[in-house]
Every structure is written in structure tokens, then in C-alpha cells.
N, C-alpha and C. Protein backbone atom coordinates (compact mmCIF):
# COMPACT_ATOMS: atom_id res chain seq x y z
N MET A 1 50.36 -52.79 29.33
CA MET A 1 50.99 -54.11 29.47
C MET A 1 51.88 -54.12 30.70
N GLU A 2 52.08 -55.30 31.25
CA GLU A 2 52.91 -55.48 32.43
C GLU A 2 54.12 -56.34 32.07
N LEU A 3 55.30 -55.86 32.46
CA LEU A 3 56.53 -56.62 32.25
C LEU A 3 57.08 -57.08 33.59
N TYR A 4 57.19 -58.38 33.75
CA TYR A 4 57.84 -58.96 34.93
C TYR A 4 59.32 -59.08 34.59
N PHE A 5 60.16 -58.45 35.41
CA PHE A 5 61.57 -58.31 35.07
C PHE A 5 62.44 -58.52 36.30
N SER A 6 63.73 -58.73 36.04
CA SER A 6 64.76 -58.71 37.06
C SER A 6 65.84 -57.77 36.58
N PRO A 7 66.38 -56.91 37.45
CA PRO A 7 67.33 -55.90 37.00
C PRO A 7 68.55 -56.48 36.28
N LEU A 8 68.84 -55.90 35.12
CA LEU A 8 69.99 -56.24 34.26
C LEU A 8 69.86 -57.60 33.60
N ALA A 9 68.74 -58.29 33.81
CA ALA A 9 68.50 -59.57 33.15
C ALA A 9 68.05 -59.32 31.71
N CYS A 10 67.82 -60.39 30.98
CA CYS A 10 67.46 -60.24 29.57
C CYS A 10 66.11 -59.56 29.40
N SER A 11 65.31 -59.48 30.44
CA SER A 11 64.03 -58.77 30.38
C SER A 11 64.23 -57.30 30.06
N MET A 12 65.43 -56.77 30.30
CA MET A 12 65.69 -55.37 30.00
C MET A 12 65.52 -55.07 28.52
N ALA A 13 65.66 -56.05 27.66
CA ALA A 13 65.47 -55.81 26.23
C ALA A 13 64.05 -55.35 25.94
N THR A 14 63.08 -55.89 26.66
CA THR A 14 61.70 -55.47 26.45
C THR A 14 61.48 -54.07 27.00
N ARG A 15 62.09 -53.74 28.13
CA ARG A 15 62.02 -52.37 28.65
C ARG A 15 62.57 -51.40 27.61
N ILE A 16 63.69 -51.75 27.00
CA ILE A 16 64.28 -50.90 25.97
C ILE A 16 63.31 -50.71 24.81
N ALA A 17 62.67 -51.80 24.39
CA ALA A 17 61.71 -51.70 23.29
C ALA A 17 60.56 -50.78 23.65
N PHE A 18 60.06 -50.87 24.88
CA PHE A 18 59.00 -49.97 25.31
C PHE A 18 59.47 -48.52 25.30
N TYR A 19 60.68 -48.28 25.80
CA TYR A 19 61.20 -46.91 25.81
C TYR A 19 61.38 -46.38 24.39
N GLU A 20 61.87 -47.23 23.50
CA GLU A 20 62.03 -46.82 22.10
C GLU A 20 60.68 -46.44 21.49
N ALA A 21 59.63 -47.15 21.90
CA ALA A 21 58.29 -46.91 21.36
C ALA A 21 57.56 -45.78 22.08
N GLY A 22 58.13 -45.30 23.20
CA GLY A 22 57.46 -44.27 23.97
C GLY A 22 56.27 -44.76 24.75
N TYR A 23 56.27 -46.05 25.08
CA TYR A 23 55.13 -46.66 25.79
C TYR A 23 55.44 -46.78 27.27
N GLU A 24 54.48 -46.41 28.10
CA GLU A 24 54.63 -46.50 29.55
C GLU A 24 54.01 -47.81 30.05
N ALA A 25 54.82 -48.81 30.19
CA ALA A 25 54.35 -50.10 30.70
C ALA A 25 54.36 -50.09 32.22
N THR A 26 53.81 -51.13 32.80
CA THR A 26 53.92 -51.37 34.24
C THR A 26 55.02 -52.39 34.46
N TYR A 27 55.97 -52.09 35.34
CA TYR A 27 57.12 -52.96 35.57
C TYR A 27 57.02 -53.59 36.96
N ILE A 28 57.08 -54.91 36.99
CA ILE A 28 56.94 -55.66 38.23
C ILE A 28 58.22 -56.46 38.46
N GLN A 29 58.95 -56.11 39.50
CA GLN A 29 60.24 -56.73 39.75
C GLN A 29 60.09 -58.12 40.34
N VAL A 30 60.95 -59.03 39.89
CA VAL A 30 60.94 -60.42 40.33
C VAL A 30 62.25 -60.73 41.03
N ASP A 31 62.16 -61.39 42.17
CA ASP A 31 63.34 -61.95 42.83
C ASP A 31 63.53 -63.34 42.25
N THR A 32 64.46 -63.46 41.29
CA THR A 32 64.61 -64.73 40.59
C THR A 32 65.31 -65.79 41.43
N LYS A 33 65.97 -65.39 42.51
CA LYS A 33 66.56 -66.38 43.41
C LYS A 33 65.47 -67.07 44.22
N ARG A 34 64.54 -66.29 44.73
CA ARG A 34 63.46 -66.83 45.55
C ARG A 34 62.22 -67.17 44.74
N LYS A 35 62.23 -66.76 43.47
CA LYS A 35 61.09 -66.96 42.58
C LYS A 35 59.83 -66.32 43.17
N GLN A 36 60.02 -65.08 43.61
CA GLN A 36 58.92 -64.34 44.21
C GLN A 36 58.78 -62.96 43.59
N LEU A 37 57.57 -62.45 43.65
CA LEU A 37 57.34 -61.06 43.29
C LEU A 37 57.62 -60.19 44.50
N GLU A 38 57.59 -58.88 44.30
CA GLU A 38 57.89 -57.97 45.40
C GLU A 38 56.91 -58.11 46.56
N ASN A 39 55.68 -58.52 46.25
CA ASN A 39 54.68 -58.69 47.31
C ASN A 39 54.76 -60.06 47.99
N GLY A 40 55.76 -60.86 47.60
CA GLY A 40 55.96 -62.17 48.20
C GLY A 40 55.22 -63.30 47.52
N SER A 41 54.43 -63.01 46.50
CA SER A 41 53.68 -64.07 45.82
C SER A 41 54.59 -64.91 44.94
N ASP A 42 54.10 -66.08 44.59
CA ASP A 42 54.88 -67.10 43.89
C ASP A 42 54.99 -66.78 42.40
N PHE A 43 56.22 -66.59 41.93
CA PHE A 43 56.43 -66.29 40.51
C PHE A 43 56.20 -67.51 39.63
N PHE A 44 56.37 -68.71 40.19
CA PHE A 44 56.15 -69.92 39.41
C PHE A 44 54.71 -70.00 38.88
N SER A 45 53.79 -69.31 39.54
CA SER A 45 52.41 -69.33 39.07
C SER A 45 52.25 -68.60 37.74
N LEU A 46 53.21 -67.71 37.43
CA LEU A 46 53.19 -66.99 36.16
C LEU A 46 54.05 -67.67 35.11
N ASN A 47 55.19 -68.20 35.53
CA ASN A 47 56.08 -68.89 34.61
C ASN A 47 56.66 -70.11 35.32
N PRO A 48 56.25 -71.30 34.96
CA PRO A 48 56.75 -72.51 35.63
C PRO A 48 58.26 -72.68 35.56
N MET A 49 58.92 -71.96 34.63
CA MET A 49 60.38 -72.00 34.57
C MET A 49 61.01 -71.05 35.58
N GLY A 50 60.23 -70.14 36.13
CA GLY A 50 60.77 -69.18 37.10
C GLY A 50 61.72 -68.17 36.49
N GLN A 51 61.57 -67.91 35.20
CA GLN A 51 62.49 -67.03 34.50
C GLN A 51 61.77 -65.79 33.97
N VAL A 52 62.52 -64.70 33.87
CA VAL A 52 62.02 -63.49 33.20
C VAL A 52 62.60 -63.48 31.79
N PRO A 53 61.94 -62.77 30.88
CA PRO A 53 60.77 -61.92 31.07
C PRO A 53 59.46 -62.69 30.98
N VAL A 54 58.44 -62.10 31.59
CA VAL A 54 57.05 -62.49 31.34
C VAL A 54 56.32 -61.21 31.01
N LEU A 55 55.57 -61.24 29.93
CA LEU A 55 54.78 -60.07 29.52
C LEU A 55 53.30 -60.42 29.63
N ARG A 56 52.57 -59.59 30.36
CA ARG A 56 51.12 -59.71 30.38
C ARG A 56 50.57 -58.67 29.40
N THR A 57 49.88 -59.14 28.39
CA THR A 57 49.35 -58.25 27.37
C THR A 57 48.13 -57.51 27.91
N ASP A 58 47.67 -56.53 27.14
CA ASP A 58 46.47 -55.79 27.52
C ASP A 58 45.25 -56.70 27.59
N GLU A 59 45.31 -57.82 26.88
CA GLU A 59 44.20 -58.76 26.89
C GLU A 59 44.31 -59.78 28.02
N GLY A 60 45.39 -59.68 28.82
CA GLY A 60 45.57 -60.58 29.94
C GLY A 60 46.32 -61.86 29.61
N GLU A 61 46.79 -62.00 28.38
CA GLU A 61 47.56 -63.17 28.00
C GLU A 61 49.00 -63.04 28.51
N LEU A 62 49.61 -64.18 28.84
CA LEU A 62 51.00 -64.19 29.29
C LEU A 62 51.90 -64.72 28.19
N LEU A 63 52.97 -63.98 27.93
CA LEU A 63 53.99 -64.41 26.97
C LEU A 63 55.32 -64.54 27.69
N THR A 64 56.08 -65.57 27.33
CA THR A 64 57.43 -65.74 27.83
C THR A 64 58.37 -65.87 26.63
N GLU A 65 59.67 -65.78 26.91
CA GLU A 65 60.75 -65.93 25.92
C GLU A 65 60.91 -64.67 25.08
N ASN A 66 62.14 -64.16 25.06
CA ASN A 66 62.45 -62.96 24.29
C ASN A 66 62.15 -63.12 22.81
N THR A 67 62.35 -64.31 22.28
CA THR A 67 62.12 -64.53 20.86
C THR A 67 60.66 -64.38 20.48
N ALA A 68 59.76 -64.47 21.46
CA ALA A 68 58.33 -64.23 21.22
C ALA A 68 57.92 -62.83 21.63
N ILE A 69 58.41 -62.39 22.79
CA ILE A 69 57.97 -61.10 23.34
C ILE A 69 58.45 -59.93 22.50
N LEU A 70 59.70 -59.93 22.10
CA LEU A 70 60.25 -58.77 21.39
C LEU A 70 59.57 -58.52 20.04
N PRO A 71 59.35 -59.55 19.20
CA PRO A 71 58.60 -59.28 17.97
C PRO A 71 57.17 -58.83 18.25
N TYR A 72 56.56 -59.37 19.31
CA TYR A 72 55.20 -58.97 19.65
C TYR A 72 55.16 -57.48 20.00
N VAL A 73 56.09 -57.04 20.82
CA VAL A 73 56.14 -55.62 21.19
C VAL A 73 56.40 -54.76 19.96
N ALA A 74 57.31 -55.19 19.12
CA ALA A 74 57.59 -54.42 17.90
C ALA A 74 56.34 -54.27 17.04
N ASP A 75 55.57 -55.33 16.93
CA ASP A 75 54.36 -55.29 16.11
C ASP A 75 53.27 -54.43 16.74
N ARG A 76 53.26 -54.33 18.07
CA ARG A 76 52.27 -53.50 18.74
C ARG A 76 52.53 -52.02 18.51
N PHE A 77 53.78 -51.66 18.21
CA PHE A 77 54.13 -50.24 18.04
C PHE A 77 54.86 -50.05 16.71
N PRO A 78 54.14 -50.20 15.60
CA PRO A 78 54.80 -50.13 14.29
C PRO A 78 55.45 -48.78 14.01
N HIS A 79 54.95 -47.72 14.66
CA HIS A 79 55.54 -46.39 14.43
C HIS A 79 57.00 -46.34 14.86
N ALA A 80 57.40 -47.21 15.80
CA ALA A 80 58.78 -47.20 16.31
C ALA A 80 59.74 -47.91 15.37
N GLN A 81 59.20 -48.67 14.43
CA GLN A 81 60.01 -49.37 13.42
C GLN A 81 61.10 -50.23 14.08
N LEU A 82 60.66 -51.08 15.01
CA LEU A 82 61.58 -51.95 15.73
C LEU A 82 61.70 -53.34 15.12
N ALA A 83 60.98 -53.58 14.04
CA ALA A 83 61.07 -54.86 13.35
C ALA A 83 60.71 -54.65 11.89
N PRO A 84 61.37 -55.34 10.98
CA PRO A 84 61.03 -55.22 9.56
C PRO A 84 59.72 -55.91 9.25
N VAL A 85 59.13 -55.54 8.11
CA VAL A 85 57.85 -56.13 7.73
C VAL A 85 57.98 -57.10 6.56
N GLY A 86 59.04 -57.00 5.79
CA GLY A 86 59.22 -57.92 4.67
C GLY A 86 59.52 -59.32 5.15
N SER A 87 59.11 -60.32 4.40
CA SER A 87 59.23 -61.71 4.84
C SER A 87 60.68 -62.14 5.04
N LEU A 88 61.59 -61.77 4.12
CA LEU A 88 62.98 -62.18 4.27
C LEU A 88 63.63 -61.44 5.43
N GLU A 89 63.42 -60.13 5.51
CA GLU A 89 64.02 -59.37 6.61
C GLU A 89 63.43 -59.79 7.95
N ARG A 90 62.15 -60.17 7.94
CA ARG A 90 61.56 -60.66 9.19
C ARG A 90 62.23 -61.97 9.59
N ALA A 91 62.53 -62.80 8.63
CA ALA A 91 63.24 -64.04 8.92
C ALA A 91 64.65 -63.74 9.45
N ARG A 92 65.29 -62.70 8.92
CA ARG A 92 66.60 -62.29 9.43
C ARG A 92 66.50 -61.84 10.89
N LEU A 93 65.43 -61.13 11.21
CA LEU A 93 65.22 -60.74 12.61
C LEU A 93 65.13 -61.96 13.49
N GLN A 94 64.32 -62.94 13.09
CA GLN A 94 64.18 -64.15 13.89
C GLN A 94 65.50 -64.92 13.96
N GLN A 95 66.27 -64.87 12.88
CA GLN A 95 67.57 -65.53 12.87
C GLN A 95 68.47 -64.94 13.94
N TRP A 96 68.54 -63.61 14.02
CA TRP A 96 69.40 -62.97 15.01
C TRP A 96 68.86 -63.15 16.42
N LEU A 97 67.55 -63.06 16.60
CA LEU A 97 67.00 -63.29 17.93
C LEU A 97 67.30 -64.71 18.41
N GLY A 98 67.17 -65.67 17.50
CA GLY A 98 67.49 -67.05 17.86
C GLY A 98 68.96 -67.23 18.19
N PHE A 99 69.83 -66.59 17.41
CA PHE A 99 71.27 -66.67 17.66
C PHE A 99 71.63 -66.07 19.02
N ILE A 100 71.11 -64.89 19.28
CA ILE A 100 71.40 -64.23 20.56
C ILE A 100 70.91 -65.08 21.72
N SER A 101 69.71 -65.62 21.58
CA SER A 101 69.11 -66.40 22.65
C SER A 101 69.85 -67.69 22.93
N THR A 102 70.17 -68.43 21.88
CA THR A 102 70.74 -69.76 22.08
C THR A 102 72.27 -69.76 22.11
N GLU A 103 72.90 -69.04 21.20
CA GLU A 103 74.35 -69.13 21.07
C GLU A 103 75.11 -68.17 21.99
N LEU A 104 74.50 -67.06 22.35
CA LEU A 104 75.16 -66.11 23.25
C LEU A 104 74.58 -66.17 24.66
N HIS A 105 73.31 -65.90 24.79
CA HIS A 105 72.67 -65.85 26.10
C HIS A 105 72.82 -67.18 26.84
N LYS A 106 72.29 -68.24 26.26
CA LYS A 106 72.26 -69.53 26.95
C LYS A 106 73.58 -70.29 26.86
N ALA A 107 74.18 -70.31 25.69
CA ALA A 107 75.37 -71.14 25.51
C ALA A 107 76.62 -70.54 26.14
N LEU A 108 76.73 -69.21 26.14
CA LEU A 108 77.93 -68.58 26.68
C LEU A 108 77.71 -67.97 28.05
N PHE A 109 76.84 -67.00 28.12
CA PHE A 109 76.80 -66.17 29.33
C PHE A 109 76.12 -66.84 30.52
N VAL A 110 75.14 -67.68 30.29
CA VAL A 110 74.52 -68.35 31.44
C VAL A 110 75.55 -69.19 32.21
N PRO A 111 76.31 -70.08 31.56
CA PRO A 111 77.30 -70.84 32.34
C PRO A 111 78.44 -69.98 32.89
N LEU A 112 78.86 -68.94 32.14
CA LEU A 112 79.96 -68.11 32.63
C LEU A 112 79.55 -67.27 33.84
N LEU A 113 78.28 -66.91 33.91
CA LEU A 113 77.80 -66.10 35.03
C LEU A 113 77.29 -66.93 36.20
N ASP A 114 77.13 -68.22 35.99
CA ASP A 114 76.57 -69.09 37.02
C ASP A 114 77.64 -69.42 38.07
N PRO A 115 77.47 -68.99 39.31
CA PRO A 115 78.48 -69.28 40.34
C PRO A 115 78.58 -70.77 40.67
N ASN A 116 77.57 -71.53 40.28
CA ASN A 116 77.57 -72.97 40.57
C ASN A 116 78.17 -73.80 39.43
N ALA A 117 78.50 -73.15 38.33
CA ALA A 117 79.13 -73.87 37.22
C ALA A 117 80.59 -74.13 37.56
N GLY A 118 81.03 -75.36 37.44
CA GLY A 118 82.40 -75.73 37.79
C GLY A 118 83.43 -75.22 36.80
N ASP A 119 84.70 -75.36 37.17
CA ASP A 119 85.79 -74.88 36.32
C ASP A 119 85.78 -75.55 34.95
N GLU A 120 85.46 -76.83 34.91
CA GLU A 120 85.46 -77.54 33.63
C GLU A 120 84.36 -77.02 32.71
N VAL A 121 83.21 -76.71 33.29
CA VAL A 121 82.11 -76.15 32.51
C VAL A 121 82.51 -74.80 31.94
N LYS A 122 83.12 -73.97 32.77
CA LYS A 122 83.53 -72.64 32.31
C LYS A 122 84.63 -72.73 31.27
N ARG A 123 85.57 -73.66 31.45
CA ARG A 123 86.63 -73.84 30.45
C ARG A 123 86.03 -74.24 29.11
N TYR A 124 85.12 -75.21 29.12
CA TYR A 124 84.47 -75.66 27.90
C TYR A 124 83.71 -74.51 27.23
N THR A 125 83.03 -73.72 28.05
CA THR A 125 82.25 -72.60 27.51
C THR A 125 83.16 -71.56 26.87
N ARG A 126 84.28 -71.24 27.52
CA ARG A 126 85.18 -70.23 26.97
C ARG A 126 85.75 -70.65 25.63
N GLU A 127 85.85 -71.93 25.39
CA GLU A 127 86.32 -72.41 24.09
C GLU A 127 85.35 -72.06 22.97
N LYS A 128 84.10 -71.74 23.33
CA LYS A 128 83.07 -71.44 22.35
C LYS A 128 82.92 -69.94 22.09
N VAL A 129 83.62 -69.12 22.87
CA VAL A 129 83.42 -67.68 22.79
C VAL A 129 83.83 -67.13 21.43
N ASP A 130 85.02 -67.46 20.98
CA ASP A 130 85.57 -66.81 19.79
C ASP A 130 84.74 -67.04 18.55
N ILE A 131 84.32 -68.27 18.31
CA ILE A 131 83.59 -68.56 17.07
C ILE A 131 82.28 -67.78 17.00
N ARG A 132 81.65 -67.58 18.16
CA ARG A 132 80.38 -66.86 18.21
C ARG A 132 80.59 -65.35 18.07
N LEU A 133 81.55 -64.81 18.81
CA LEU A 133 81.77 -63.37 18.72
C LEU A 133 82.46 -62.98 17.42
N ASP A 134 83.21 -63.90 16.83
CA ASP A 134 83.76 -63.63 15.50
C ASP A 134 82.64 -63.40 14.49
N LEU A 135 81.58 -64.19 14.61
CA LEU A 135 80.45 -64.06 13.69
C LEU A 135 79.77 -62.70 13.88
N VAL A 136 79.58 -62.30 15.12
CA VAL A 136 78.96 -61.00 15.40
C VAL A 136 79.86 -59.87 14.88
N ALA A 137 81.15 -59.99 15.14
CA ALA A 137 82.09 -58.96 14.69
C ALA A 137 82.08 -58.82 13.18
N ALA A 138 81.96 -59.92 12.49
CA ALA A 138 81.94 -59.87 11.02
C ALA A 138 80.75 -59.06 10.52
N ARG A 139 79.63 -59.17 11.20
CA ARG A 139 78.46 -58.38 10.82
C ARG A 139 78.73 -56.89 10.99
N PHE A 140 79.32 -56.53 12.13
CA PHE A 140 79.51 -55.11 12.41
C PHE A 140 80.73 -54.52 11.72
N ALA A 141 81.52 -55.35 11.10
CA ALA A 141 82.63 -54.82 10.32
C ALA A 141 82.13 -54.02 9.12
N ALA A 142 80.90 -54.32 8.69
CA ALA A 142 80.38 -53.66 7.49
C ALA A 142 78.98 -53.08 7.69
N HIS A 143 78.39 -53.27 8.88
CA HIS A 143 77.02 -52.81 9.11
C HIS A 143 76.92 -52.13 10.47
N GLU A 144 76.00 -51.16 10.55
CA GLU A 144 75.81 -50.43 11.80
C GLU A 144 75.00 -51.21 12.81
N TRP A 145 73.99 -51.96 12.30
CA TRP A 145 73.07 -52.70 13.16
C TRP A 145 72.98 -54.13 12.70
N LEU A 146 72.29 -54.98 13.46
CA LEU A 146 72.14 -56.37 13.08
C LEU A 146 71.34 -56.52 11.79
N LEU A 147 70.35 -55.64 11.61
CA LEU A 147 69.60 -55.58 10.35
C LEU A 147 69.95 -54.27 9.66
N ASP A 148 69.12 -53.84 8.73
CA ASP A 148 69.42 -52.60 8.02
C ASP A 148 69.20 -51.37 8.89
N ALA A 149 68.42 -51.52 9.97
CA ALA A 149 68.17 -50.43 10.91
C ALA A 149 68.07 -51.03 12.31
N PHE A 150 68.14 -50.17 13.32
CA PHE A 150 68.00 -50.63 14.69
C PHE A 150 66.70 -51.41 14.85
N SER A 151 66.77 -52.51 15.61
CA SER A 151 65.60 -53.35 15.82
C SER A 151 65.63 -53.93 17.23
N VAL A 152 64.59 -54.68 17.56
CA VAL A 152 64.55 -55.33 18.87
C VAL A 152 65.69 -56.34 19.04
N ALA A 153 66.25 -56.82 17.94
CA ALA A 153 67.41 -57.71 18.06
C ALA A 153 68.60 -56.96 18.64
N ASP A 154 68.77 -55.70 18.28
CA ASP A 154 69.84 -54.89 18.84
C ASP A 154 69.60 -54.61 20.32
N ALA A 155 68.35 -54.42 20.70
CA ALA A 155 68.03 -54.23 22.12
C ALA A 155 68.46 -55.45 22.92
N TYR A 156 68.18 -56.63 22.41
CA TYR A 156 68.55 -57.87 23.08
C TYR A 156 70.06 -58.04 23.12
N LEU A 157 70.73 -57.78 22.00
CA LEU A 157 72.18 -57.95 21.95
C LEU A 157 72.87 -56.97 22.89
N ALA A 158 72.38 -55.75 23.00
CA ALA A 158 72.98 -54.78 23.91
C ALA A 158 72.95 -55.29 25.34
N VAL A 159 71.83 -55.89 25.72
CA VAL A 159 71.70 -56.42 27.08
C VAL A 159 72.68 -57.57 27.31
N VAL A 160 72.77 -58.47 26.37
CA VAL A 160 73.65 -59.63 26.51
C VAL A 160 75.11 -59.20 26.54
N LEU A 161 75.50 -58.28 25.66
CA LEU A 161 76.90 -57.82 25.66
C LEU A 161 77.24 -57.09 26.95
N ASN A 162 76.27 -56.49 27.58
CA ASN A 162 76.51 -55.80 28.84
C ASN A 162 76.98 -56.77 29.93
N TRP A 163 76.64 -58.05 29.79
CA TRP A 163 77.06 -59.04 30.79
C TRP A 163 78.52 -59.41 30.68
N ALA A 164 79.15 -59.09 29.54
CA ALA A 164 80.53 -59.53 29.30
C ALA A 164 81.47 -59.05 30.41
N ARG A 165 81.25 -57.85 30.90
CA ARG A 165 82.14 -57.27 31.92
C ARG A 165 82.07 -58.05 33.23
N TYR A 166 81.00 -58.80 33.44
CA TYR A 166 80.83 -59.51 34.70
C TYR A 166 81.37 -60.94 34.65
N CYS A 167 81.86 -61.35 33.49
CA CYS A 167 82.39 -62.73 33.41
C CYS A 167 83.70 -62.77 32.63
N ASP A 168 84.43 -61.66 32.63
CA ASP A 168 85.77 -61.61 32.07
C ASP A 168 85.79 -62.00 30.59
N VAL A 169 84.82 -61.51 29.84
CA VAL A 169 84.85 -61.60 28.38
C VAL A 169 85.14 -60.19 27.87
N ASP A 170 86.30 -60.01 27.27
CA ASP A 170 86.76 -58.69 26.85
C ASP A 170 86.32 -58.41 25.42
N ILE A 171 85.23 -57.65 25.26
CA ILE A 171 84.75 -57.40 23.90
C ILE A 171 85.68 -56.46 23.14
N ASP A 172 86.62 -55.82 23.82
CA ASP A 172 87.60 -54.98 23.12
C ASP A 172 88.49 -55.80 22.20
N ARG A 173 88.53 -57.12 22.40
CA ARG A 173 89.27 -57.99 21.48
C ARG A 173 88.64 -57.97 20.09
N TRP A 174 87.40 -57.55 20.01
CA TRP A 174 86.68 -57.43 18.74
C TRP A 174 86.30 -55.95 18.57
N PRO A 175 87.17 -55.16 17.95
CA PRO A 175 86.92 -53.71 17.86
C PRO A 175 85.56 -53.36 17.25
N ALA A 176 85.11 -54.15 16.30
CA ALA A 176 83.81 -53.87 15.68
C ALA A 176 82.68 -54.04 16.68
N ILE A 177 82.80 -55.03 17.57
CA ILE A 177 81.79 -55.23 18.60
C ILE A 177 81.87 -54.13 19.65
N ALA A 178 83.08 -53.78 20.04
CA ALA A 178 83.26 -52.71 21.03
C ALA A 178 82.67 -51.40 20.52
N ALA A 179 82.90 -51.10 19.24
CA ALA A 179 82.37 -49.88 18.66
C ALA A 179 80.84 -49.94 18.60
N TYR A 180 80.31 -51.09 18.25
CA TYR A 180 78.85 -51.26 18.23
C TYR A 180 78.26 -51.07 19.62
N PHE A 181 78.89 -51.66 20.63
CA PHE A 181 78.35 -51.55 21.99
C PHE A 181 78.35 -50.10 22.45
N LYS A 182 79.38 -49.36 22.12
CA LYS A 182 79.42 -47.93 22.46
C LYS A 182 78.31 -47.18 21.73
N ARG A 183 78.10 -47.55 20.48
CA ARG A 183 77.09 -46.88 19.66
C ARG A 183 75.67 -47.20 20.17
N VAL A 184 75.42 -48.46 20.41
CA VAL A 184 74.06 -48.86 20.78
C VAL A 184 73.69 -48.37 22.18
N THR A 185 74.65 -48.37 23.10
CA THR A 185 74.34 -47.95 24.47
C THR A 185 74.25 -46.43 24.59
N ALA A 186 74.62 -45.71 23.52
CA ALA A 186 74.44 -44.26 23.51
C ALA A 186 73.02 -43.86 23.15
N ARG A 187 72.24 -44.80 22.65
CA ARG A 187 70.84 -44.49 22.34
C ARG A 187 70.12 -44.12 23.63
N PRO A 188 69.33 -43.06 23.64
CA PRO A 188 68.69 -42.62 24.88
C PRO A 188 67.87 -43.69 25.58
N ALA A 189 67.14 -44.49 24.82
CA ALA A 189 66.30 -45.52 25.44
C ALA A 189 67.15 -46.56 26.15
N ILE A 190 68.28 -46.93 25.55
CA ILE A 190 69.13 -47.95 26.15
C ILE A 190 69.91 -47.37 27.33
N ALA A 191 70.42 -46.16 27.17
CA ALA A 191 71.12 -45.53 28.29
C ALA A 191 70.20 -45.38 29.49
N ARG A 192 68.96 -44.99 29.26
CA ARG A 192 67.98 -44.84 30.35
C ARG A 192 67.70 -46.18 31.02
N ALA A 193 67.43 -47.20 30.21
CA ALA A 193 67.10 -48.52 30.77
C ALA A 193 68.26 -49.07 31.60
N MET A 194 69.47 -48.96 31.08
CA MET A 194 70.62 -49.50 31.79
C MET A 194 70.87 -48.74 33.09
N SER A 195 70.74 -47.42 33.06
CA SER A 195 70.94 -46.64 34.27
C SER A 195 69.91 -47.00 35.34
N GLU A 196 68.67 -47.07 34.94
CA GLU A 196 67.61 -47.38 35.90
C GLU A 196 67.75 -48.78 36.47
N GLU A 197 68.06 -49.74 35.61
CA GLU A 197 68.13 -51.12 36.10
C GLU A 197 69.41 -51.37 36.90
N PHE A 198 70.47 -50.65 36.59
CA PHE A 198 71.67 -50.79 37.42
C PHE A 198 71.40 -50.31 38.84
N ALA A 199 70.65 -49.21 38.97
CA ALA A 199 70.29 -48.71 40.30
C ALA A 199 69.42 -49.73 41.03
N LEU A 200 68.48 -50.34 40.32
CA LEU A 200 67.62 -51.35 40.93
C LEU A 200 68.44 -52.59 41.32
N TYR A 201 69.42 -52.93 40.49
CA TYR A 201 70.28 -54.07 40.79
C TYR A 201 71.08 -53.83 42.07
N ARG A 202 71.62 -52.63 42.23
CA ARG A 202 72.38 -52.30 43.44
C ARG A 202 71.48 -52.39 44.67
N GLU A 203 70.26 -51.93 44.55
CA GLU A 203 69.31 -52.03 45.67
C GLU A 203 69.03 -53.49 45.99
N GLN A 204 68.89 -54.31 44.96
CA GLN A 204 68.63 -55.74 45.16
C GLN A 204 69.80 -56.41 45.88
N VAL A 205 71.02 -56.08 45.47
CA VAL A 205 72.21 -56.64 46.11
C VAL A 205 72.27 -56.24 47.58
N GLU A 206 71.96 -54.99 47.87
CA GLU A 206 71.98 -54.53 49.27
C GLU A 206 70.92 -55.24 50.10
N ARG A 207 69.75 -55.48 49.52
CA ARG A 207 68.71 -56.21 50.25
C ARG A 207 69.17 -57.63 50.55
N GLU A 208 69.85 -58.25 49.60
CA GLU A 208 70.33 -59.61 49.82
C GLU A 208 71.40 -59.65 50.90
N LYS A 209 72.28 -58.65 50.91
CA LYS A 209 73.29 -58.58 51.95
C LYS A 209 72.64 -58.42 53.32
N GLU A 210 71.59 -57.61 53.39
CA GLU A 210 70.89 -57.41 54.66
C GLU A 210 70.23 -58.70 55.12
N ARG A 211 69.66 -59.47 54.19
CA ARG A 211 69.07 -60.76 54.56
C ARG A 211 70.14 -61.70 55.10
N GLU A 212 71.32 -61.68 54.46
CA GLU A 212 72.41 -62.55 54.93
C GLU A 212 72.86 -62.15 56.33
N ARG A 213 72.92 -60.84 56.59
CA ARG A 213 73.28 -60.39 57.94
C ARG A 213 72.24 -60.82 58.96
N GLU A 214 70.97 -60.73 58.59
CA GLU A 214 69.91 -61.13 59.51
C GLU A 214 69.98 -62.63 59.77
N ARG A 215 70.26 -63.43 58.74
CA ARG A 215 70.38 -64.87 58.96
C ARG A 215 71.56 -65.19 59.86
N ALA A 216 72.68 -64.49 59.64
CA ALA A 216 73.85 -64.71 60.48
C ALA A 216 73.57 -64.35 61.92
N ASP A 217 72.87 -63.23 62.13
CA ASP A 217 72.53 -62.82 63.50
C ASP A 217 71.61 -63.83 64.16
N ALA A 218 70.66 -64.36 63.37
CA ALA A 218 69.73 -65.34 63.93
C ALA A 218 70.44 -66.63 64.31
N THR A 219 71.44 -67.00 63.49
CA THR A 219 72.20 -68.23 63.78
C THR A 219 73.03 -68.06 65.05
N ARG A 220 73.65 -66.88 65.22
CA ARG A 220 74.45 -66.65 66.43
C ARG A 220 73.58 -66.58 67.67
N ALA A 221 72.36 -66.09 67.49
CA ALA A 221 71.45 -65.99 68.65
C ALA A 221 70.98 -67.37 69.06
């Protein structure tokens, strides 16, 4: 399978799932600012939204959205036990994936991380932080994972919580969340994914700085 990803983006959750399963996928980096692949081709041709992740299955089908991709990957590798099989617990998995996707990823962190979001947008968003993280903290006050065992929902939550440091959201205000984040990021698959993607992110930032220098030089010339 092929995963189209951007370093430290939510696509990292699928990388984590692959690592947990011991599967060697093909990883294709996307420049989400330019909506291009590394070879310069148009990413919009794969996803009209221009967003990662995109998963190309072994059958050549394209899947988008973490709420679809992560359960699919879990089902492809049942030995890794990344998703429950019972109907109620499976519904709980979808409940948490939906919550992470809509209430944390999109509702909180997208506007807080967006440099184009104005002060009023960020103020409004910060008013929503406590009620959402209070709910997460309540879960971890009595449970180790989002479900009865580690799942793809935890992979997704680990990625999203990792963004908190970049937008001045202090998860230490919620000791149960801080303890969970320390616990989950100690898993070898997650530690590996984060280390690798952080290095790729730094390379991406340096390439962007070089492009900016070249544009500045061209303007002065």
C-alpha cells in the first residue's frame, strides 16, 4: 500500500498503524502548501481537497479521511489488534475517531495552527479547548487507552496532541492527558514515527527557506 503523507500531519497516524502492524508501506511525501508530490505532479488529482492522508490500497483504490483509513488498516492486519471486533466496541472506536477528527483536529488545532486565522478566530477557538480536553482527561483518569486496549484511535490522538506544543495549548494542565501522552509516545512504533517525521519536517522547512531566499534574490536581481 502507498501512503501519501505530510510530515507531522494527521497522516502520521496511519504510519504509526503500519509500524504497529509491522507492515512496510510505501510513503510518498506531499507538499501541502503547493499541493504537489515530490516529483512535482499535481496532488489534487489524487484528492480534490488537497489534504493528507491518502491511502492507495493494494487493489489500487484511493481512500481519504482518517476515520476511514485507520479502521481499514486495522482490519487489514488483525494480528496487530488495532481495532476491536465486537459491535459495541467497534462503535466506541468510531466514536473516538469521530471526536478526534471533528472536535480536536478540525475544531481546535486547525484554527489554532493556521497562521491566517485572525485573533478573533483564535480567541473563539481557545474558549472551546477546556470542554473538549476535560472530556479526554476524564477518560484517562480511569483508563490507560481510549478503548480497553491500544487502538488506531490512540495513534490518531497521539498525533493530534503532539500539535499542542506548537499552538500554546499546555496539556500539563490536564495531568491525566500529560501522563497518557508520555505513555503513548513511549511506544516504539510511535516514537519511531515521530522521530522520522520530525526529521522530514525539518528538511521541509529548510527547503522552504531556501525557496524564499531564491525568490528574494530573484526580486533583487
